[in-house]
Structures are given as C-alpha cells and as structure tokens.
Amino acid sequence: MKRRIVHEKVEKYLITSKTMAIYPFINQWGRVCAEIYEEGAVILVEKKPFRIIKDSCPYYGGTYDGKKDATQINLGRMCFPPIMIDTKLDIFFFPTKSPRKDSCIWLSQPHIDDIVSIDQKKVRVIFSNGMDLPIESTSAALKGKLHRAAHYRSVLLTRTNRSFNNKNKEVHLQNSDLILT
C-alpha cells in the first residue's frame, strides 16, 4: 500500500476519524515529537503525542480531563483509561502506558484489526488498512486495553443509538397520531 509521507514541519494537527496511531519519536534536536499514522499517510508533527490528544479534545467539545473523568464514571476507576474524542465520528483512543510518559503510544480502537505477539514483550498491531506497527508491550496487556476501549465505545454507541431510535419512534408516533385524528 502506498503512503504519503509529509516531511515538512507540521506544528498543528487535530485528530480525525482517519487517525490510526500517534507514535512518539525524538527529532534531531532531541525534542519529543509525533508520527501520526493515518489511513493513507504518515505525518510528522512537532508536538508530543499527549499534547495532540489534549489539544484535539476541545475541538470536539470537551477537555481531556473531562473525557477522562467521563470514562471513569462509566467504567469505574482505572489506570490509563481510553478517551472518547468524538462518538459521532467514532474516534476512540487508548494509551499504551501512562499518557504522561514521552514513550506512550496512542492507538485508535476502531482502526485495530488484530494484535499479534512477536515475542514475550513485543507485539505487532495490525490496522484495518493493512498497515502494522510494532510496539513494546505484552499481548495480554495491550489486548486488555483494546478490549476496555472497545467496551467503552460499545457502551456509548449503544446509548446514543438507543436515544436516537427512541426519539425517532416518538416523532413517528406523534405524526401517526396526528394523521389518525
């Protein structure tokens, strides 16, 4: 698969539904930056991965801390909770380790097809577009985080779909009542 690689310095980036992973790297000046893996491109951004997550949250209507609190209210207290960036656009990310660590990788749950062990402490994340990314983690630990993010996504999508369907039924019933009277 061909990928477009953007080499120019990108200082601003907002997560979209095409964002699959945010991977930290050290640039030539020793600063932590991010490689953004999108469906058809790899983009280099001169920001830490955690800063990209935090800066994207307000764009979609909330703060990182508010979204983190919402996860813990819905799923209970946990270390490194998944973050719902936007339900309508199906943007759900989870950290591979403490978000405050510069080595933390952020993964988009909807884009992950599989996690395959390379060895005891390294896995390969397979994305929906066929791209793969090696990550230092045990298979069990990363699959646990993926499943937690998938569960949270399912909870929120079920609620919004139920609410949407109930709203449509009410409108439909009201319209049929008007026609029958």
C-alpha atoms as a PDB file:
ATOM      1  CA  MET A   1       0.000   0.000   0.000  1.00  0.00           C
ATOM      2  CA  LYS A   2       1.325   3.442  -0.879  1.00  0.00           C
ATOM      3  CA  ARG A   3       1.559   6.003   1.900  1.00  0.00           C
ATOM      4  CA  ARG A   4       2.133   9.700   1.554  1.00  0.00           C
ATOM      5  CA  ILE A   5       4.830  10.916   3.936  1.00  0.00           C
ATOM      6  CA  VAL A   6       4.812  14.592   4.793  1.00  0.00           C
ATOM      7  CA  HIS A   7       8.326  15.781   5.550  1.00  0.00           C
ATOM      8  CA  GLU A   8       7.721  19.452   6.195  1.00  0.00           C
ATOM      9  CA  LYS A   9       7.342  20.579   9.780  1.00  0.00           C
ATOM     10  CA  VAL A  10       3.729  20.392  10.863  1.00  0.00           C
ATOM     11  CA  GLU A  11       3.110  22.250  14.084  1.00  0.00           C
ATOM     12  CA  LYS A  12      -0.658  21.859  14.357  1.00  0.00           C
ATOM     13  CA  TYR A  13      -2.621  18.659  14.000  1.00  0.00           C
ATOM     14  CA  LEU A  14      -6.131  17.665  15.046  1.00  0.00           C
ATOM     15  CA  ILE A  15      -7.122  14.029  15.324  1.00  0.00           C
ATOM     16  CA  THR A  16      -9.675  12.887  12.742  1.00  0.00           C
ATOM     17  CA  SER A  17     -11.537   9.662  12.070  1.00  0.00           C
ATOM     18  CA  LYS A  18      -8.616   8.701   9.767  1.00  0.00           C
ATOM     19  CA  THR A  19      -6.033   8.904  12.577  1.00  0.00           C
ATOM     20  CA  MET A  20      -4.933   5.366  13.496  1.00  0.00           C
ATOM     21  CA  ALA A  21      -1.962   5.895  15.838  1.00  0.00           C
ATOM     22  CA  ILE A  22       0.155   8.612  17.413  1.00  0.00           C
ATOM     23  CA  TYR A  23       3.707   7.383  17.867  1.00  0.00           C
ATOM     24  CA  PRO A  24       6.445   9.326  19.712  1.00  0.00           C
ATOM     25  CA  PHE A  25       9.918   9.874  18.290  1.00  0.00           C
ATOM     26  CA  ILE A  26      12.905  12.060  19.141  1.00  0.00           C
ATOM     27  CA  ASN A  27      13.768  14.614  16.457  1.00  0.00           C
ATOM     28  CA  GLN A  28      17.274  15.758  15.508  1.00  0.00           C
ATOM     29  CA  TRP A  29      17.241  18.418  18.263  1.00  0.00           C
ATOM     30  CA  GLY A  30      16.321  15.922  20.966  1.00  0.00           C
ATOM     31  CA  ARG A  31      12.670  17.000  21.272  1.00  0.00           C
ATOM     32  CA  VAL A  32       9.816  14.509  21.571  1.00  0.00           C
ATOM     33  CA  CYS A  33       7.578  14.761  18.513  1.00  0.00           C
ATOM     34  CA  ALA A  34       4.894  12.567  16.971  1.00  0.00           C
ATOM     35  CA  GLU A  35       4.465  10.414  13.914  1.00  0.00           C
ATOM     36  CA  ILE A  36       0.787  10.391  13.031  1.00  0.00           C
ATOM     37  CA  TYR A  37      -0.319   7.261  11.204  1.00  0.00           C
ATOM     38  CA  GLU A  38      -3.392   7.942   9.123  1.00  0.00           C
ATOM     39  CA  GLU A  39      -5.201   5.594   6.739  1.00  0.00           C
ATOM     40  CA  GLY A  40      -3.093   6.756   3.784  1.00  0.00           C
ATOM     41  CA  ALA A  41      -0.255   8.812   5.235  1.00  0.00           C
ATOM     42  CA  VAL A  42       2.377   9.244   7.911  1.00  0.00           C
ATOM     43  CA  ILE A  43       2.610  12.830   9.141  1.00  0.00           C
ATOM     44  CA  LEU A  44       5.378  14.258  11.321  1.00  0.00           C
ATOM     45  CA  VAL A  45       4.158  16.718  13.950  1.00  0.00           C
ATOM     46  CA  GLU A  46       6.352  18.806  16.200  1.00  0.00           C
ATOM     47  CA  LYS A  47       4.294  18.111  19.324  1.00  0.00           C
ATOM     48  CA  LYS A  48       4.274  15.378  21.927  1.00  0.00           C
ATOM     49  CA  PRO A  49       1.594  12.718  21.390  1.00  0.00           C
ATOM     50  CA  PHE A  50      -0.145  13.586  24.670  1.00  0.00           C
ATOM     51  CA  ARG A  51      -0.322  17.269  23.631  1.00  0.00           C
ATOM     52  CA  ILE A  52      -2.006  16.255  20.353  1.00  0.00           C
ATOM     53  CA  ILE A  53      -4.622  14.261  22.295  1.00  0.00           C
ATOM     54  CA  LYS A  54      -5.182  17.126  24.760  1.00  0.00           C
ATOM     55  CA  ASP A  55      -5.398  19.755  22.004  1.00  0.00           C
ATOM     56  CA  SER A  56      -7.867  17.702  19.941  1.00  0.00           C
ATOM     57  CA  CYS A  57     -10.395  17.199  22.763  1.00  0.00           C
ATOM     58  CA  PRO A  58     -11.701  20.817  22.922  1.00  0.00           C
ATOM     59  CA  TYR A  59     -12.173  20.877  19.153  1.00  0.00           C
ATOM     60  CA  TYR A  60     -14.708  18.060  19.557  1.00  0.00           C
ATOM     61  CA  GLY A  61     -16.445  19.600  22.563  1.00  0.00           C
ATOM     62  CA  GLY A  62     -14.681  18.757  25.820  1.00  0.00           C
ATOM     63  CA  THR A  63     -11.442  18.735  27.716  1.00  0.00           C
ATOM     64  CA  TYR A  64      -9.082  15.808  28.109  1.00  0.00           C
ATOM     65  CA  ASP A  65      -9.705  15.781  31.870  1.00  0.00           C
ATOM     66  CA  GLY A  66     -13.477  15.864  31.319  1.00  0.00           C
ATOM     67  CA  LYS A  67     -13.322  12.985  28.850  1.00  0.00           C
ATOM     68  CA  LYS A  68     -11.039  11.026  31.184  1.00  0.00           C
ATOM     69  CA  ASP A  69     -13.469  11.619  34.084  1.00  0.00           C
ATOM     70  CA  ALA A  70     -16.406  10.509  31.899  1.00  0.00           C
ATOM     71  CA  THR A  71     -14.633   7.229  31.122  1.00  0.00           C
ATOM     72  CA  GLN A  72     -14.051   6.563  34.801  1.00  0.00           C
ATOM     73  CA  ILE A  73     -17.632   7.434  35.727  1.00  0.00           C
ATOM     74  CA  ASN A  74     -18.913   4.987  33.091  1.00  0.00           C
ATOM     75  CA  LEU A  75     -16.385   2.157  33.531  1.00  0.00           C
ATOM     76  CA  GLY A  76     -15.025   2.691  37.028  1.00  0.00           C
ATOM     77  CA  ARG A  77     -11.638   3.920  38.174  1.00  0.00           C
ATOM     78  CA  MET A  78      -8.721   2.558  36.203  1.00  0.00           C
ATOM     79  CA  CYS A  79      -5.185   3.347  35.169  1.00  0.00           C
ATOM     80  CA  PHE A  80      -4.773   4.781  31.679  1.00  0.00           C
ATOM     81  CA  PRO A  81      -8.441   4.931  30.633  1.00  0.00           C
ATOM     82  CA  PRO A  82      -9.476   5.076  26.972  1.00  0.00           C
ATOM     83  CA  ILE A  83     -10.535   8.500  25.740  1.00  0.00           C
ATOM     84  CA  MET A  84     -13.595   9.179  23.620  1.00  0.00           C
ATOM     85  CA  ILE A  85     -12.641  12.073  21.370  1.00  0.00           C
ATOM     86  CA  ASP A  86     -15.947  12.062  19.435  1.00  0.00           C
ATOM     87  CA  THR A  87     -18.719   9.441  19.274  1.00  0.00           C
ATOM     88  CA  LYS A  88     -20.326  10.626  16.027  1.00  0.00           C
ATOM     89  CA  LEU A  89     -17.011  10.386  14.177  1.00  0.00           C
ATOM     90  CA  ASP A  90     -16.139   7.136  16.011  1.00  0.00           C
ATOM     91  CA  ILE A  91     -12.860   8.469  17.443  1.00  0.00           C
ATOM     92  CA  PHE A  92     -11.771   6.433  20.493  1.00  0.00           C
ATOM     93  CA  PHE A  93      -8.111   6.318  21.578  1.00  0.00           C
ATOM     94  CA  PHE A  94      -6.266   4.479  24.302  1.00  0.00           C
ATOM     95  CA  PRO A  95      -2.722   4.881  25.650  1.00  0.00           C
ATOM     96  CA  THR A  96      -0.234   2.007  25.681  1.00  0.00           C
ATOM     97  CA  LYS A  97       1.216   3.240  29.000  1.00  0.00           C
ATOM     98  CA  SER A  98       0.987   6.320  31.224  1.00  0.00           C
ATOM     99  CA  PRO A  99      -0.040   9.229  28.971  1.00  0.00           C
ATOM    100  CA  ARG A 100       2.430  11.463  30.796  1.00  0.00           C
ATOM    101  CA  LYS A 101       5.380   9.331  29.636  1.00  0.00           C
ATOM    102  CA  ASP A 102       7.014  10.574  26.458  1.00  0.00           C
ATOM    103  CA  SER A 103       7.194   6.973  25.207  1.00  0.00           C
ATOM    104  CA  CYS A 104       3.394   6.490  25.334  1.00  0.00           C
ATOM    105  CA  ILE A 105       1.778   5.495  22.043  1.00  0.00           C
ATOM    106  CA  TRP A 106      -1.884   6.329  21.432  1.00  0.00           C
ATOM    107  CA  LEU A 107      -3.937   3.877  19.368  1.00  0.00           C
ATOM    108  CA  SER A 108      -7.344   4.305  17.740  1.00  0.00           C
ATOM    109  CA  GLN A 109      -9.540   1.395  18.817  1.00  0.00           C
ATOM    110  CA  PRO A 110     -11.854   1.370  15.756  1.00  0.00           C
ATOM    111  CA  HIS A 111      -8.855   1.005  13.405  1.00  0.00           C
ATOM    112  CA  ILE A 112      -7.292  -2.045  15.070  1.00  0.00           C
ATOM    113  CA  ASP A 113      -7.945  -5.397  13.419  1.00  0.00           C
ATOM    114  CA  ASP A 114      -5.576  -7.568  15.445  1.00  0.00           C
ATOM    115  CA  ILE A 115      -2.696  -7.722  17.904  1.00  0.00           C
ATOM    116  CA  VAL A 116      -0.102 -10.422  17.202  1.00  0.00           C
ATOM    117  CA  SER A 117       2.756 -11.422  19.512  1.00  0.00           C
ATOM    118  CA  ILE A 118       6.267 -11.011  18.119  1.00  0.00           C
ATOM    119  CA  ASP A 119       7.884 -12.219  21.347  1.00  0.00           C
ATOM    120  CA  GLN A 120       7.075 -12.037  25.066  1.00  0.00           C
ATOM    121  CA  LYS A 121       7.451  -8.261  25.283  1.00  0.00           C
ATOM    122  CA  LYS A 122       6.710  -7.093  21.751  1.00  0.00           C
ATOM    123  CA  VAL A 123       3.562  -7.153  19.625  1.00  0.00           C
ATOM    124  CA  ARG A 124       2.515  -6.123  16.161  1.00  0.00           C
ATOM    125  CA  VAL A 125      -0.653  -4.035  15.911  1.00  0.00           C
ATOM    126  CA  ILE A 126      -2.467  -4.725  12.634  1.00  0.00           C
ATOM    127  CA  PHE A 127      -4.657  -1.865  11.407  1.00  0.00           C
ATOM    128  CA  SER A 128      -7.756  -2.002   9.214  1.00  0.00           C
ATOM    129  CA  ASN A 129      -5.824  -0.668   6.193  1.00  0.00           C
ATOM    130  CA  GLY A 130      -3.246  -3.478   6.431  1.00  0.00           C
ATOM    131  CA  MET A 131      -0.527  -1.335   7.991  1.00  0.00           C
ATOM    132  CA  ASP A 132       1.201  -2.792  11.045  1.00  0.00           C
ATOM    133  CA  LEU A 133       3.121  -1.180  13.884  1.00  0.00           C
ATOM    134  CA  PRO A 134       5.490  -2.995  16.270  1.00  0.00           C
ATOM    135  CA  ILE A 135       5.006  -1.959  19.911  1.00  0.00           C
ATOM    136  CA  GLU A 136       6.796  -2.930  23.084  1.00  0.00           C
ATOM    137  CA  SER A 137       4.088  -4.499  25.247  1.00  0.00           C
ATOM    138  CA  THR A 138       2.837  -7.902  26.183  1.00  0.00           C
ATOM    139  CA  SER A 139      -0.006  -9.230  24.097  1.00  0.00           C
ATOM    140  CA  ALA A 140      -2.236  -9.662  27.168  1.00  0.00           C
ATOM    141  CA  ALA A 141      -1.672  -6.094  28.393  1.00  0.00           C
ATOM    142  CA  LEU A 142      -2.344  -4.454  25.035  1.00  0.00           C
ATOM    143  CA  LYS A 143      -5.353  -6.668  24.282  1.00  0.00           C
ATOM    144  CA  GLY A 144      -6.780  -5.766  27.693  1.00  0.00           C
ATOM    145  CA  LYS A 145      -6.510  -2.054  26.883  1.00  0.00           C
ATOM    146  CA  LEU A 146      -8.007  -2.630  23.438  1.00  0.00           C
ATOM    147  CA  HIS A 147     -10.958  -4.563  24.898  1.00  0.00           C
ATOM    148  CA  ARG A 148     -11.561  -1.891  27.534  1.00  0.00           C
ATOM    149  CA  ALA A 149     -11.640   0.780  24.816  1.00  0.00           C
ATOM    150  CA  ALA A 150     -13.965  -1.381  22.686  1.00  0.00           C
ATOM    151  CA  HIS A 151     -16.271  -1.890  25.665  1.00  0.00           C
ATOM    152  CA  TYR A 152     -16.410   1.859  26.349  1.00  0.00           C
ATOM    153  CA  ARG A 153     -17.087   2.544  22.665  1.00  0.00           C
ATOM    154  CA  SER A 154     -19.887  -0.037  22.691  1.00  0.00           C
ATOM    155  CA  VAL A 155     -21.461   1.455  25.829  1.00  0.00           C
ATOM    156  CA  LEU A 156     -21.511   4.978  24.374  1.00  0.00           C
ATOM    157  CA  LEU A 157     -22.641   3.957  20.887  1.00  0.00           C
ATOM    158  CA  THR A 158     -25.449   1.818  22.340  1.00  0.00           C
ATOM    159  CA  ARG A 159     -26.662   4.771  24.403  1.00  0.00           C
ATOM    160  CA  THR A 160     -26.581   7.228  21.520  1.00  0.00           C
ATOM    161  CA  ASN A 161     -28.257   4.747  19.132  1.00  0.00           C
ATOM    162  CA  ARG A 162     -30.950   3.913  21.705  1.00  0.00           C
ATOM    163  CA  SER A 163     -31.574   7.607  22.302  1.00  0.00           C
ATOM    164  CA  PHE A 164     -31.718   8.289  18.556  1.00  0.00           C
ATOM    165  CA  ASN A 165     -34.091   5.364  17.924  1.00  0.00           C
ATOM    166  CA  ASN A 166     -36.376   6.350  20.823  1.00  0.00           C
ATOM    167  CA  LYS A 167     -36.501   9.930  19.560  1.00  0.00           C
ATOM    168  CA  ASN A 168     -37.472   8.758  16.068  1.00  0.00           C
ATOM    169  CA  LYS A 169     -40.183   6.457  17.476  1.00  0.00           C
ATOM    170  CA  GLU A 170     -41.677   9.329  19.477  1.00  0.00           C
ATOM    171  CA  VAL A 171     -41.762  11.563  16.412  1.00  0.00           C
ATOM    172  CA  HIS A 172     -43.221   8.742  14.321  1.00  0.00           C
ATOM    173  CA  LEU A 173     -45.937   8.045  16.898  1.00  0.00           C
ATOM    174  CA  GLN A 174     -46.781  11.709  17.192  1.00  0.00           C
ATOM    175  CA  ASN A 175     -47.048  12.016  13.404  1.00  0.00           C
ATOM    176  CA  SER A 176     -49.272   8.935  13.110  1.00  0.00           C
ATOM    177  CA  ASP A 177     -51.456  10.237  15.945  1.00  0.00           C
ATOM    178  CA  LEU A 178     -51.900  13.487  14.048  1.00  0.00           C
ATOM    179  CA  ILE A 179     -52.818  11.664  10.857  1.00  0.00           C
ATOM    180  CA  LEU A 180     -55.323   9.381  12.583  1.00  0.00           C
ATOM    181  CA  THR A 181     -57.153  12.166  14.421  1.00  0.00           C
END
